[in-house]
Protein backbone atom coordinates (compact mmCIF):
# COMPACT_ATOMS: atom_id res chain seq x y z
CA MET A 1 -1.01 15.62 11.08
CA LYS A 2 2.12 13.47 11.06
CA TYR A 3 0.94 11.44 14.06
CA LEU A 4 -2.73 11.31 13.06
CA LYS A 5 -2.59 7.69 11.91
CA HIS A 6 -0.90 6.60 15.12
CA THR A 7 -3.47 8.51 17.16
CA LEU A 8 -6.31 6.90 15.18
CA ALA A 9 -4.79 3.46 15.71
CA LEU A 10 -4.48 4.09 19.44
CA VAL A 11 -8.09 5.31 19.64
CA PHE A 12 -9.21 2.23 17.69
CA LEU A 13 -7.27 0.01 20.07
CA ILE A 14 -8.73 1.69 23.17
CA ILE A 15 -12.29 1.53 21.86
CA SER A 16 -11.88 -2.12 20.90
CA THR A 17 -10.40 -3.00 24.29
CA VAL A 18 -13.23 -1.20 26.10
CA PHE A 19 -15.78 -2.99 23.92
CA ILE A 20 -14.24 -6.39 24.66
CA THR A 21 -14.03 -5.80 28.43
CA ARG A 22 -17.20 -3.74 28.93
CA TYR A 23 -19.58 -6.10 27.23
CA ASN A 24 -18.02 -9.12 28.92
CA LEU A 25 -17.80 -11.26 25.85
CA ASN A 26 -18.10 -14.81 27.08
CA ASP A 27 -17.14 -16.32 23.78
CA ASN A 28 -13.35 -16.75 23.90
CA ILE A 29 -13.21 -17.29 20.15
CA LEU A 30 -14.71 -13.84 19.58
CA LYS A 31 -12.22 -12.28 22.02
CA VAL A 32 -9.30 -13.94 20.26
CA PHE A 33 -10.62 -12.85 16.85
CA CYS A 34 -10.96 -9.24 18.03
CA LEU A 35 -7.47 -9.17 19.53
CA VAL A 36 -5.90 -10.76 16.43
CA THR A 37 -7.68 -8.27 14.17
CA ILE A 38 -6.53 -5.32 16.28
CA SER A 39 -2.98 -6.67 16.38
CA LEU A 40 -2.87 -7.14 12.60
CA PHE A 41 -4.18 -3.61 12.07
CA ILE A 42 -1.47 -2.14 14.28
CA PHE A 43 1.20 -4.36 12.65
CA ASN A 44 0.09 -3.20 9.17
CA LEU A 45 0.14 0.42 10.29
CA ILE A 46 3.63 0.21 11.78
CA PHE A 47 5.29 -1.79 8.98
CA ARG A 48 3.42 -0.28 6.05
CA LYS A 49 6.46 1.61 4.78
CA SER A 50 8.79 -1.38 4.74
CA LEU A 51 9.75 -2.63 1.30
CA ALA A 52 11.11 -5.78 2.95
CA LEU A 53 7.54 -6.87 3.84
CA LYS A 54 6.23 -6.61 0.27
CA LYS A 55 5.51 -10.35 0.09
CA TYR A 56 3.39 -10.17 3.26
CA PHE A 57 1.26 -7.25 2.05
CA THR A 58 0.86 -8.50 -1.54
CA SER A 59 0.25 -12.15 -0.65
CA ARG A 60 -3.01 -13.59 -1.87
CA TYR A 61 -3.34 -15.25 1.55
CA ASN A 62 -3.44 -11.89 3.33
CA VAL A 63 -7.21 -11.55 3.51
CA PHE A 64 -7.11 -8.30 5.48
CA THR A 65 -5.89 -6.29 2.48
CA SER A 66 -7.41 -5.60 -0.91
CA LYS A 67 -5.04 -5.68 -3.87
CA PHE A 68 -4.98 -4.48 -7.48
CA ARG A 69 -2.26 -5.74 -9.83
CA SER A 70 -1.39 -4.71 -13.35
CA GLU A 71 1.49 -4.81 -15.84
CA LYS A 72 2.44 -2.37 -18.56
CA VAL A 73 5.24 -2.51 -21.13
CA TYR A 74 7.33 0.59 -21.91
CA ASP A 75 9.81 0.90 -24.73
CA ILE A 76 12.59 2.39 -22.60
CA SER A 77 15.02 0.69 -20.23
CA ALA A 78 14.15 -0.33 -16.68
CA GLU A 79 16.94 1.91 -15.34
CA LEU A 80 15.46 4.99 -17.00
CA MET A 81 11.88 4.12 -15.99
CA PHE A 82 13.00 3.53 -12.40
CA GLU A 83 14.44 7.05 -12.22
CA LYS A 84 11.43 8.53 -14.02
CA ILE A 85 8.93 6.92 -11.62
CA ILE A 86 10.83 8.27 -8.61
CA GLU A 87 10.58 11.74 -10.15
CA VAL A 88 6.87 11.25 -10.89
CA ILE A 89 6.13 10.10 -7.33
CA ASN A 90 8.04 13.02 -5.83
CA ASN A 91 5.86 15.39 -7.90
CA SER A 92 2.58 13.68 -6.97
CA ASN A 93 0.29 13.24 -3.97
CA PHE A 94 2.02 9.94 -3.17
CA LYS A 95 4.95 9.71 -0.77
CA LEU A 96 8.07 7.79 -1.65
CA ALA A 97 8.63 5.29 1.17
CA GLY A 98 11.48 3.19 -0.17
CA THR A 99 13.50 2.13 -3.18
CA GLU A 100 15.83 -0.70 -4.10
CA SER A 101 17.89 0.25 -7.13
CA ASN A 102 19.47 -3.20 -7.52
CA ASN A 103 16.13 -4.78 -8.51
CA PHE A 104 14.28 -1.59 -9.54
CA SER A 105 11.66 -1.76 -6.77
CA ILE A 106 9.73 1.22 -5.45
CA LEU A 107 7.33 1.61 -2.53
CA ALA A 108 5.07 4.65 -2.39
CA THR A 109 2.18 5.34 -0.03
CA SER A 110 -1.03 7.31 -0.21
CA SER A 111 -2.42 9.22 2.70
CA ILE A 112 -5.34 8.30 4.92
CA SER A 113 -8.72 9.45 3.61
CA PHE A 114 -12.37 9.05 4.56
CA SER A 115 -12.68 6.04 2.26
CA SER A 116 -9.42 4.30 3.18
CA TRP A 117 -6.69 3.87 5.79
CA GLY A 118 -4.22 4.45 2.95
CA GLU A 119 -2.63 2.31 0.29
CA SER A 120 0.86 1.05 -0.45
CA LEU A 121 1.99 1.12 -4.08
CA TYR A 122 4.57 -1.50 -5.04
CA ILE A 123 6.19 -0.85 -8.42
CA ASN A 124 9.04 -2.79 -9.96
CA PHE A 125 10.60 -3.02 -13.39
CA ASP A 126 12.10 -5.88 -15.36
CA ASN A 127 14.07 -5.46 -18.57
CA SER A 128 12.60 -7.16 -21.60
CA LYS A 129 13.67 -7.36 -25.23
CA ASP A 130 11.33 -4.47 -26.14
CA GLY A 131 12.16 -2.21 -23.17
CA CYS A 132 10.81 -2.91 -19.70
CA VAL A 133 7.78 -4.30 -17.94
CA MET A 134 6.31 -2.26 -15.08
CA ARG A 135 4.59 -4.41 -12.46
CA PHE A 136 2.22 -2.42 -10.28
CA CYS A 137 0.42 -3.54 -7.13
CA SER A 138 -1.71 -1.24 -4.97
CA VAL A 139 -2.58 -2.66 -1.54
CA THR A 140 -4.93 -1.25 1.08
CA LEU A 141 -3.44 -0.81 4.52
CA PHE A 142 -6.28 -2.68 6.15
CA GLY A 143 -9.49 -3.41 4.34
CA VAL A 144 -11.00 -6.22 2.34
CA TYR A 145 -12.56 -3.77 -0.13
CA SER A 146 -10.77 -0.72 -1.55
CA TRP A 147 -13.80 1.26 -2.82
CA GLY A 148 -11.93 1.78 -6.10
CA LYS A 149 -8.92 3.46 -4.48
CA ASN A 150 -6.43 0.82 -5.70
CA GLU A 151 -7.56 1.15 -9.32
CA ASN A 152 -7.60 4.96 -9.05
CA ASN A 153 -4.00 4.89 -7.79
CA TYR A 154 -2.96 2.86 -10.85
CA HIS A 155 -4.71 5.19 -13.29
CA GLU A 156 -3.29 8.26 -11.55
CA ILE A 157 0.27 6.88 -11.76
CA LEU A 158 -0.22 5.99 -15.45
CA LYS A 159 -1.52 9.47 -16.23
CA GLN A 160 1.42 11.10 -14.47
CA ILE A 161 3.90 8.81 -16.25
CA ASP A 162 2.34 9.61 -19.62
CA ASP A 163 2.39 13.34 -18.85
CA SER A 164 6.05 13.19 -17.81
CA LEU A 165 7.09 11.20 -20.92
CA THR A 166 5.26 13.53 -23.32
CA ILE A 167 7.50 16.16 -24.87
């Protein structure tokens, strides 16, 4: 199961290559478009778990990904929320992919499903005078429409946070 996504990407690449060569596409623009699309898919799959590429995946100019952004204010410090979210993610269906404690950034991923290639969840916290602001962004791995998965990820994280903060 660990290598399923890499196997699927390889199968996708082989099928696309066979399609391009078998049907002898005479239109060079179409060939270039197909190869660029395949390359971007593989790039997204390989570098999905890199917190350093957050700006690439969350950019509004990245038209190959669907994004959902939201902010929520909590009345506790960013340091405490950062630790709490890590605990919440470790006890959820999401996988913790990376953290940066100096700027309170977290990257979590969801698994591949029938409706999606998976999503990356970017969460960061900023201190404010009333506590902290949680900035959330859920990004599809490769898809211009998320079929509601990005919003569901946000609501699931919020529910788990609320459950963990309730005494």
